[in-house]
Amino acid sequence: MAKPLSIQLYTLRDQIAADRDGTLTRLAEIGYRSVEAYDPTADPAGFRKLADDLGIGVSSTHAYALFDKDAGEVFDAVATVGTDLAIIPGGIDHDEFTSADGLRRTADLLNGFAAKAAERGIRIGYHNHWWEIEPRFEGRTALEVLADELAPEVFLEVDTYWAQVGGADVPALLRALGDRVLALHVKDGPGVKDEPHTAVGKGVIDVPSILAAAPDAQRIVELDSCATDIFEAVADSRAYLTALEEGLS
């Protein structure tokens, strides 16, 4: 595996709220050596010290906080937790992805964030759900059209599960987006909205084909929800993906 497998900590948001230090320690014990933060402004110095003590790197962070906090404060926190990749995971009206004008406004917003971030040596990315996939423009997804309008430094973190739920042929989508894709959210489940996710490898998603279509992208495990023990699910996900990557290499 080119980059250590990461995990989006939103997966364990309830456990982190109750016991951040214990939760990260348990992830390290499971074997995770990289994480993706979801709120870098929550005690960034304390988070960084804990991660360093555990030998855990920070692959990237989500930065929803850009919509309600000072950008400088957010970018300082991003740097403090130990990454230069900040990803917008939402906060944009879904209707903006249903028209060309809306996509241009969305691109302008993301490009604006990217210009401010660049002053701090940080890159901005965008993370999709299904509502950027379902609308089609001459056969292309809204996400593909949006990508055409983004500044070159803006990257995509493709949530492969939601892309499939939105109706995409995910390997084809990844190939079409090409080098714009720096990271993948790898998740599994029944492939429908409003149902719990499963450990990666235990649902309907063709994970091997998806990973083969973006061989250089950072892999990040995420479960939005889970009906089984969450620590078992993230451990099983890591075991499956580690074995799969070894087989692909």
C-alpha atoms as a PDB file:
ATOM      1  CA  MET A   1       0.000   0.000   0.000  1.00  0.00           C
ATOM      2  CA  ALA A   2       1.597   3.277  -1.097  1.00  0.00           C
ATOM      3  CA  LYS A   3       0.091   5.318   1.750  1.00  0.00           C
ATOM      4  CA  PRO A   4      -0.964   3.990   5.169  1.00  0.00           C
ATOM      5  CA  LEU A   5      -4.657   3.135   5.276  1.00  0.00           C
ATOM      6  CA  SER A   6      -6.516   5.948   7.017  1.00  0.00           C
ATOM      7  CA  ILE A   7      -9.867   6.155   8.805  1.00  0.00           C
ATOM      8  CA  GLN A   8     -12.291   9.079   8.953  1.00  0.00           C
ATOM      9  CA  LEU A   9     -12.813   9.724  12.650  1.00  0.00           C
ATOM     10  CA  TYR A  10     -16.458  10.717  12.064  1.00  0.00           C
ATOM     11  CA  THR A  11     -16.962   6.944  12.003  1.00  0.00           C
ATOM     12  CA  LEU A  12     -16.266   6.987  15.753  1.00  0.00           C
ATOM     13  CA  ARG A  13     -17.727  10.393  16.603  1.00  0.00           C
ATOM     14  CA  ASP A  14     -19.765   9.114  19.564  1.00  0.00           C
ATOM     15  CA  GLN A  15     -16.821   7.211  20.992  1.00  0.00           C
ATOM     16  CA  ILE A  16     -14.537  10.236  20.504  1.00  0.00           C
ATOM     17  CA  ALA A  17     -17.039  12.519  22.244  1.00  0.00           C
ATOM     18  CA  ALA A  18     -17.009  10.164  25.222  1.00  0.00           C
ATOM     19  CA  ASP A  19     -13.280   9.326  25.271  1.00  0.00           C
ATOM     20  CA  ARG A  20     -11.094  10.775  22.532  1.00  0.00           C
ATOM     21  CA  ASP A  21      -7.812   9.503  23.903  1.00  0.00           C
ATOM     22  CA  GLY A  22      -9.094   5.994  24.536  1.00  0.00           C
ATOM     23  CA  THR A  23     -10.676   5.810  21.085  1.00  0.00           C
ATOM     24  CA  LEU A  24      -7.511   6.825  19.235  1.00  0.00           C
ATOM     25  CA  THR A  25      -5.484   4.454  21.396  1.00  0.00           C
ATOM     26  CA  ARG A  26      -7.786   1.615  20.415  1.00  0.00           C
ATOM     27  CA  LEU A  27      -7.478   2.501  16.725  1.00  0.00           C
ATOM     28  CA  ALA A  28      -3.711   2.362  17.075  1.00  0.00           C
ATOM     29  CA  GLU A  29      -4.005  -1.031  18.755  1.00  0.00           C
ATOM     30  CA  ILE A  30      -6.134  -2.266  15.837  1.00  0.00           C
ATOM     31  CA  GLY A  31      -3.313  -1.212  13.520  1.00  0.00           C
ATOM     32  CA  TYR A  32      -4.375   2.134  12.056  1.00  0.00           C
ATOM     33  CA  ARG A  33      -1.396   4.425  11.559  1.00  0.00           C
ATOM     34  CA  SER A  34      -3.265   7.261   9.880  1.00  0.00           C
ATOM     35  CA  VAL A  35      -6.519   9.106  10.530  1.00  0.00           C
ATOM     36  CA  GLU A  36      -8.649  11.780   8.897  1.00  0.00           C
ATOM     37  CA  ALA A  37      -9.960  14.336  11.372  1.00  0.00           C
ATOM     38  CA  TYR A  38     -13.445  15.810  11.051  1.00  0.00           C
ATOM     39  CA  ASP A  39     -13.184  18.916  13.250  1.00  0.00           C
ATOM     40  CA  PRO A  40      -9.624  20.219  13.376  1.00  0.00           C
ATOM     41  CA  THR A  41     -10.658  23.133  15.594  1.00  0.00           C
ATOM     42  CA  ALA A  42     -11.464  20.826  18.532  1.00  0.00           C
ATOM     43  CA  ASP A  43      -8.282  21.020  20.665  1.00  0.00           C
ATOM     44  CA  PRO A  44      -5.877  20.778  17.720  1.00  0.00           C
ATOM     45  CA  ALA A  45      -2.704  20.889  19.848  1.00  0.00           C
ATOM     46  CA  GLY A  46      -3.966  18.175  22.188  1.00  0.00           C
ATOM     47  CA  PHE A  47      -5.066  16.058  19.254  1.00  0.00           C
ATOM     48  CA  ARG A  48      -1.683  16.406  17.559  1.00  0.00           C
ATOM     49  CA  LYS A  49       0.227  15.450  20.724  1.00  0.00           C
ATOM     50  CA  LEU A  50      -1.931  12.366  21.221  1.00  0.00           C
ATOM     51  CA  ALA A  51      -1.551  11.312  17.584  1.00  0.00           C
ATOM     52  CA  ASP A  52       2.209  11.807  17.764  1.00  0.00           C
ATOM     53  CA  ASP A  53       2.427   9.809  20.996  1.00  0.00           C
ATOM     54  CA  LEU A  54       0.510   6.956  19.338  1.00  0.00           C
ATOM     55  CA  GLY A  55       2.530   7.048  16.113  1.00  0.00           C
ATOM     56  CA  ILE A  56      -0.531   8.088  14.104  1.00  0.00           C
ATOM     57  CA  GLY A  57      -0.296  10.456  11.143  1.00  0.00           C
ATOM     58  CA  VAL A  58      -3.084  12.708   9.873  1.00  0.00           C
ATOM     59  CA  SER A  59      -3.784  12.092   6.190  1.00  0.00           C
ATOM     60  CA  SER A  60      -6.226  14.996   5.880  1.00  0.00           C
ATOM     61  CA  THR A  61      -9.051  16.675   7.719  1.00  0.00           C
ATOM     62  CA  HIS A  62     -12.585  17.695   6.930  1.00  0.00           C
ATOM     63  CA  ALA A  63     -13.155  21.413   7.298  1.00  0.00           C
ATOM     64  CA  TYR A  64     -16.892  22.031   7.595  1.00  0.00           C
ATOM     65  CA  ALA A  65     -15.871  24.641  10.162  1.00  0.00           C
ATOM     66  CA  LEU A  66     -14.979  26.989   7.269  1.00  0.00           C
ATOM     67  CA  PHE A  67     -18.689  27.765   6.980  1.00  0.00           C
ATOM     68  CA  ASP A  68     -19.054  29.064  10.540  1.00  0.00           C
ATOM     69  CA  LYS A  69     -15.588  30.012  11.814  1.00  0.00           C
ATOM     70  CA  ASP A  70     -12.841  32.390  10.777  1.00  0.00           C
ATOM     71  CA  ALA A  71     -10.879  30.857   7.900  1.00  0.00           C
ATOM     72  CA  GLY A  72      -7.546  31.778   9.457  1.00  0.00           C
ATOM     73  CA  GLU A  73      -8.479  29.995  12.684  1.00  0.00           C
ATOM     74  CA  VAL A  74      -9.513  26.899  10.739  1.00  0.00           C
ATOM     75  CA  PHE A  75      -6.357  26.823   8.620  1.00  0.00           C
ATOM     76  CA  ASP A  76      -4.185  27.297  11.704  1.00  0.00           C
ATOM     77  CA  ALA A  77      -5.943  24.300  13.260  1.00  0.00           C
ATOM     78  CA  VAL A  78      -5.481  22.229  10.085  1.00  0.00           C
ATOM     79  CA  ALA A  79      -1.747  22.883  10.186  1.00  0.00           C
ATOM     80  CA  THR A  80      -1.585  22.161  13.919  1.00  0.00           C
ATOM     81  CA  VAL A  81      -3.191  18.727  13.621  1.00  0.00           C
ATOM     82  CA  GLY A  82      -0.547  17.876  11.060  1.00  0.00           C
ATOM     83  CA  THR A  83      -1.874  17.974   7.507  1.00  0.00           C
ATOM     84  CA  ASP A  84      -2.038  20.327   4.533  1.00  0.00           C
ATOM     85  CA  LEU A  85      -5.238  18.846   3.037  1.00  0.00           C
ATOM     86  CA  ALA A  86      -8.573  20.348   4.126  1.00  0.00           C
ATOM     87  CA  ILE A  87     -11.755  18.901   2.650  1.00  0.00           C
ATOM     88  CA  ILE A  88     -15.205  20.485   2.376  1.00  0.00           C
ATOM     89  CA  PRO A  89     -17.659  17.647   3.188  1.00  0.00           C
ATOM     90  CA  GLY A  90     -20.936  19.495   2.701  1.00  0.00           C
ATOM     91  CA  GLY A  91     -22.529  22.777   3.653  1.00  0.00           C
ATOM     92  CA  ILE A  92     -23.637  23.624   0.111  1.00  0.00           C
ATOM     93  CA  ASP A  93     -27.323  23.564  -0.802  1.00  0.00           C
ATOM     94  CA  HIS A  94     -28.156  20.386  -2.714  1.00  0.00           C
ATOM     95  CA  ASP A  95     -30.044  22.377  -5.341  1.00  0.00           C
ATOM     96  CA  GLU A  96     -26.783  24.013  -6.413  1.00  0.00           C
ATOM     97  CA  PHE A  97     -25.814  20.719  -8.057  1.00  0.00           C
ATOM     98  CA  THR A  98     -28.887  20.632 -10.292  1.00  0.00           C
ATOM     99  CA  SER A  99     -28.008  23.512 -12.648  1.00  0.00           C
ATOM    100  CA  ALA A 100     -25.007  24.821 -14.534  1.00  0.00           C
ATOM    101  CA  ASP A 101     -25.294  28.176 -12.741  1.00  0.00           C
ATOM    102  CA  GLY A 102     -25.361  26.424  -9.385  1.00  0.00           C
ATOM    103  CA  LEU A 103     -22.271  24.427 -10.235  1.00  0.00           C
ATOM    104  CA  ARG A 104     -20.441  27.610 -11.258  1.00  0.00           C
ATOM    105  CA  ARG A 105     -21.390  29.242  -7.947  1.00  0.00           C
ATOM    106  CA  THR A 106     -20.187  26.140  -6.098  1.00  0.00           C
ATOM    107  CA  ALA A 107     -16.901  26.181  -7.982  1.00  0.00           C
ATOM    108  CA  ASP A 108     -16.462  29.883  -7.188  1.00  0.00           C
ATOM    109  CA  LEU A 109     -17.016  29.143  -3.497  1.00  0.00           C
ATOM    110  CA  LEU A 110     -14.520  26.276  -3.434  1.00  0.00           C
ATOM    111  CA  ASN A 111     -11.991  28.201  -5.497  1.00  0.00           C
ATOM    112  CA  GLY A 112     -12.303  31.091  -3.053  1.00  0.00           C
ATOM    113  CA  PHE A 113     -11.580  28.801  -0.119  1.00  0.00           C
ATOM    114  CA  ALA A 114      -8.646  27.365  -2.071  1.00  0.00           C
ATOM    115  CA  ALA A 115      -7.113  30.810  -2.660  1.00  0.00           C
ATOM    116  CA  LYS A 116      -7.272  31.621   1.062  1.00  0.00           C
ATOM    117  CA  ALA A 117      -5.910  28.187   1.965  1.00  0.00           C
ATOM    118  CA  ALA A 118      -3.002  28.508  -0.457  1.00  0.00           C
ATOM    119  CA  GLU A 119      -1.745  31.511   1.534  1.00  0.00           C
ATOM    120  CA  ARG A 120      -1.216  29.045   4.415  1.00  0.00           C
ATOM    121  CA  GLY A 121       0.248  26.251   2.290  1.00  0.00           C
ATOM    122  CA  ILE A 122      -2.985  24.240   2.471  1.00  0.00           C
ATOM    123  CA  ARG A 123      -4.968  22.625  -0.344  1.00  0.00           C
ATOM    124  CA  ILE A 124      -8.761  22.476  -0.435  1.00  0.00           C
ATOM    125  CA  GLY A 125     -10.685  19.380  -1.498  1.00  0.00           C
ATOM    126  CA  TYR A 126     -14.344  18.507  -1.939  1.00  0.00           C
ATOM    127  CA  HIS A 127     -16.113  15.371  -0.705  1.00  0.00           C
ATOM    128  CA  ASN A 128     -19.246  14.164  -2.483  1.00  0.00           C
ATOM    129  CA  HIS A 129     -22.426  12.471  -1.376  1.00  0.00           C
ATOM    130  CA  TRP A 130     -25.149  11.194  -3.703  1.00  0.00           C
ATOM    131  CA  TRP A 131     -26.634  14.588  -4.567  1.00  0.00           C
ATOM    132  CA  GLU A 132     -23.610  15.533  -6.675  1.00  0.00           C
ATOM    133  CA  ILE A 133     -23.956  12.278  -8.608  1.00  0.00           C
ATOM    134  CA  GLU A 134     -27.684  11.952  -9.340  1.00  0.00           C
ATOM    135  CA  PRO A 135     -28.056  15.123 -11.470  1.00  0.00           C
ATOM    136  CA  ARG A 136     -26.800  14.519 -15.027  1.00  0.00           C
ATOM    137  CA  PHE A 137     -25.660  16.988 -17.644  1.00  0.00           C
ATOM    138  CA  GLU A 138     -25.506  15.393 -21.100  1.00  0.00           C
ATOM    139  CA  GLY A 139     -24.723  12.076 -19.449  1.00  0.00           C
ATOM    140  CA  ARG A 140     -22.094  13.409 -17.029  1.00  0.00           C
ATOM    141  CA  THR A 141     -22.554  13.645 -13.292  1.00  0.00           C
ATOM    142  CA  ALA A 142     -22.731  17.022 -11.608  1.00  0.00           C
ATOM    143  CA  LEU A 143     -19.446  16.153  -9.875  1.00  0.00           C
ATOM    144  CA  GLU A 144     -17.672  15.781 -13.226  1.00  0.00           C
ATOM    145  CA  VAL A 145     -19.059  19.098 -14.470  1.00  0.00           C
ATOM    146  CA  LEU A 146     -18.041  20.759 -11.196  1.00  0.00           C
ATOM    147  CA  ALA A 147     -14.516  19.375 -11.564  1.00  0.00           C
ATOM    148  CA  ASP A 148     -14.182  21.180 -14.903  1.00  0.00           C
ATOM    149  CA  GLU A 149     -14.855  24.504 -13.124  1.00  0.00           C
ATOM    150  CA  LEU A 150     -12.480  23.996 -10.196  1.00  0.00           C
ATOM    151  CA  ALA A 151      -9.067  25.623  -9.939  1.00  0.00           C
ATOM    152  CA  PRO A 152      -6.272  23.131 -10.639  1.00  0.00           C
ATOM    153  CA  GLU A 153      -5.211  22.967  -7.000  1.00  0.00           C
ATOM    154  CA  VAL A 154      -8.651  21.889  -5.759  1.00  0.00           C
ATOM    155  CA  PHE A 155      -8.826  18.126  -5.392  1.00  0.00           C
ATOM    156  CA  LEU A 156     -11.603  15.600  -4.893  1.00  0.00           C
ATOM    157  CA  GLU A 157     -12.136  13.069  -2.155  1.00  0.00           C
ATOM    158  CA  VAL A 158     -14.570  10.659  -3.794  1.00  0.00           C
ATOM    159  CA  ASP A 159     -16.937   8.901  -1.451  1.00  0.00           C
ATOM    160  CA  THR A 160     -17.194   5.685  -3.425  1.00  0.00           C
ATOM    161  CA  TYR A 161     -20.257   4.383  -1.581  1.00  0.00           C
ATOM    162  CA  TRP A 162     -22.364   7.486  -2.100  1.00  0.00           C
ATOM    163  CA  ALA A 163     -21.199   7.682  -5.699  1.00  0.00           C
ATOM    164  CA  GLN A 164     -22.645   4.216  -6.297  1.00  0.00           C
ATOM    165  CA  VAL A 165     -25.837   5.053  -4.411  1.00  0.00           C
ATOM    166  CA  GLY A 166     -26.164   8.088  -6.691  1.00  0.00           C
ATOM    167  CA  GLY A 167     -26.098   5.805  -9.726  1.00  0.00           C
ATOM    168  CA  ALA A 168     -22.508   6.105 -10.900  1.00  0.00           C
ATOM    169  CA  ASP A 169     -20.354   3.395 -12.391  1.00  0.00           C
ATOM    170  CA  VAL A 170     -17.738   4.194  -9.771  1.00  0.00           C
ATOM    171  CA  PRO A 171     -14.623   2.819 -11.513  1.00  0.00           C
ATOM    172  CA  ALA A 172     -15.582   4.684 -14.696  1.00  0.00           C
ATOM    173  CA  LEU A 173     -16.221   7.861 -12.685  1.00  0.00           C
ATOM    174  CA  LEU A 174     -12.819   7.614 -11.035  1.00  0.00           C
ATOM    175  CA  ARG A 175     -11.102   7.101 -14.365  1.00  0.00           C
ATOM    176  CA  ALA A 176     -12.947  10.098 -15.806  1.00  0.00           C
ATOM    177  CA  LEU A 177     -11.930  12.335 -12.886  1.00  0.00           C
ATOM    178  CA  GLY A 178      -8.333  11.124 -13.115  1.00  0.00           C
ATOM    179  CA  ASP A 179      -5.652  12.980 -11.184  1.00  0.00           C
ATOM    180  CA  ARG A 180      -8.223  15.299  -9.612  1.00  0.00           C
ATOM    181  CA  VAL A 181      -8.939  12.446  -7.152  1.00  0.00           C
ATOM    182  CA  LEU A 182      -6.455  12.423  -4.262  1.00  0.00           C
ATOM    183  CA  ALA A 183      -8.459  10.349  -1.804  1.00  0.00           C
ATOM    184  CA  LEU A 184     -11.244   7.785  -1.616  1.00  0.00           C
ATOM    185  CA  HIS A 185     -13.718   7.149   1.145  1.00  0.00           C
ATOM    186  CA  VAL A 186     -13.979   3.376   1.129  1.00  0.00           C
ATOM    187  CA  LYS A 187     -17.136   2.034   2.694  1.00  0.00           C
ATOM    188  CA  ASP A 188     -19.567  -0.803   2.201  1.00  0.00           C
ATOM    189  CA  GLY A 189     -23.141  -1.775   2.935  1.00  0.00           C
ATOM    190  CA  PRO A 190     -26.440  -2.478   1.203  1.00  0.00           C
ATOM    191  CA  GLY A 191     -25.911   0.282  -1.365  1.00  0.00           C
ATOM    192  CA  VAL A 192     -29.013   2.293  -0.503  1.00  0.00           C
ATOM    193  CA  LYS A 193     -29.751   5.461   1.435  1.00  0.00           C
ATOM    194  CA  ASP A 194     -30.794   5.380   5.092  1.00  0.00           C
ATOM    195  CA  GLU A 195     -29.465   1.899   5.890  1.00  0.00           C
ATOM    196  CA  PRO A 196     -26.497   1.166   8.186  1.00  0.00           C
ATOM    197  CA  HIS A 197     -23.114   0.531   6.644  1.00  0.00           C
ATOM    198  CA  THR A 198     -21.099  -2.631   7.134  1.00  0.00           C
ATOM    199  CA  ALA A 199     -17.443  -3.449   7.479  1.00  0.00           C
ATOM    200  CA  VAL A 200     -15.686  -3.017   4.134  1.00  0.00           C
ATOM    201  CA  GLY A 201     -15.886  -6.308   2.248  1.00  0.00           C
ATOM    202  CA  LYS A 202     -19.189  -7.357   3.800  1.00  0.00           C
ATOM    203  CA  GLY A 203     -21.612  -5.402   1.626  1.00  0.00           C
ATOM    204  CA  VAL A 204     -22.551  -5.139  -2.034  1.00  0.00           C
ATOM    205  CA  ILE A 205     -19.844  -2.708  -3.181  1.00  0.00           C
ATOM    206  CA  ASP A 206     -17.257  -4.043  -5.650  1.00  0.00           C
ATOM    207  CA  VAL A 207     -14.348  -2.649  -3.672  1.00  0.00           C
ATOM    208  CA  PRO A 208     -11.543  -4.330  -5.682  1.00  0.00           C
ATOM    209  CA  SER A 209     -12.685  -2.768  -8.966  1.00  0.00           C
ATOM    210  CA  ILE A 210     -13.008   0.648  -7.348  1.00  0.00           C
ATOM    211  CA  LEU A 211      -9.538   0.596  -5.831  1.00  0.00           C
ATOM    212  CA  ALA A 212      -8.009  -0.642  -9.087  1.00  0.00           C
ATOM    213  CA  ALA A 213      -9.469   2.409 -10.870  1.00  0.00           C
ATOM    214  CA  ALA A 214      -7.627   4.862  -8.580  1.00  0.00           C
ATOM    215  CA  PRO A 215      -4.447   3.049  -7.579  1.00  0.00           C
ATOM    216  CA  ASP A 216      -2.626   6.107  -6.239  1.00  0.00           C
ATOM    217  CA  ALA A 217      -5.454   7.657  -4.204  1.00  0.00           C
ATOM    218  CA  GLN A 218      -5.353   7.667  -0.410  1.00  0.00           C
ATOM    219  CA  ARG A 219      -7.734   5.029   0.979  1.00  0.00           C
ATOM    220  CA  ILE A 220      -9.831   6.157   3.942  1.00  0.00           C
ATOM    221  CA  VAL A 221     -12.248   3.845   5.738  1.00  0.00           C
ATOM    222  CA  GLU A 222     -15.547   5.403   6.795  1.00  0.00           C
ATOM    223  CA  LEU A 223     -18.812   4.102   8.178  1.00  0.00           C
ATOM    224  CA  ASP A 224     -21.499   6.764   8.521  1.00  0.00           C
ATOM    225  CA  SER A 225     -23.486   4.363  10.702  1.00  0.00           C
ATOM    226  CA  CYS A 226     -23.172   0.742  11.731  1.00  0.00           C
ATOM    227  CA  ALA A 227     -25.551  -1.851  13.191  1.00  0.00           C
ATOM    228  CA  THR A 228     -22.734  -3.985  14.630  1.00  0.00           C
ATOM    229  CA  ASP A 229     -19.889  -3.249  17.040  1.00  0.00           C
ATOM    230  CA  ILE A 230     -18.079  -0.301  15.478  1.00  0.00           C
ATOM    231  CA  PHE A 231     -14.597  -1.302  16.621  1.00  0.00           C
ATOM    232  CA  GLU A 232     -15.055  -4.783  15.170  1.00  0.00           C
ATOM    233  CA  ALA A 233     -16.267  -3.223  11.913  1.00  0.00           C
ATOM    234  CA  VAL A 234     -13.273  -0.913  11.552  1.00  0.00           C
ATOM    235  CA  ALA A 235     -10.890  -3.750  12.471  1.00  0.00           C
ATOM    236  CA  ASP A 236     -12.523  -6.038   9.904  1.00  0.00           C
ATOM    237  CA  SER A 237     -12.361  -3.242   7.317  1.00  0.00           C
ATOM    238  CA  ARG A 238      -8.655  -2.799   7.898  1.00  0.00           C
ATOM    239  CA  ALA A 239      -7.982  -6.523   7.687  1.00  0.00           C
ATOM    240  CA  TYR A 240      -9.940  -6.832   4.431  1.00  0.00           C
ATOM    241  CA  LEU A 241      -8.310  -3.827   2.758  1.00  0.00           C
ATOM    242  CA  THR A 242      -4.817  -4.763   3.881  1.00  0.00           C
ATOM    243  CA  ALA A 243      -5.229  -8.244   2.418  1.00  0.00           C
ATOM    244  CA  LEU A 244      -6.777  -6.850  -0.759  1.00  0.00           C
ATOM    245  CA  GLU A 245      -4.013  -4.316  -1.345  1.00  0.00           C
ATOM    246  CA  GLU A 246      -1.369  -6.980  -0.795  1.00  0.00           C
ATOM    247  CA  GLY A 247      -3.101  -9.082  -3.423  1.00  0.00           C
ATOM    248  CA  LEU A 248      -3.248  -6.177  -5.886  1.00  0.00           C
ATOM    249  CA  SER A 249       0.398  -5.209  -5.464  1.00  0.00           C
END
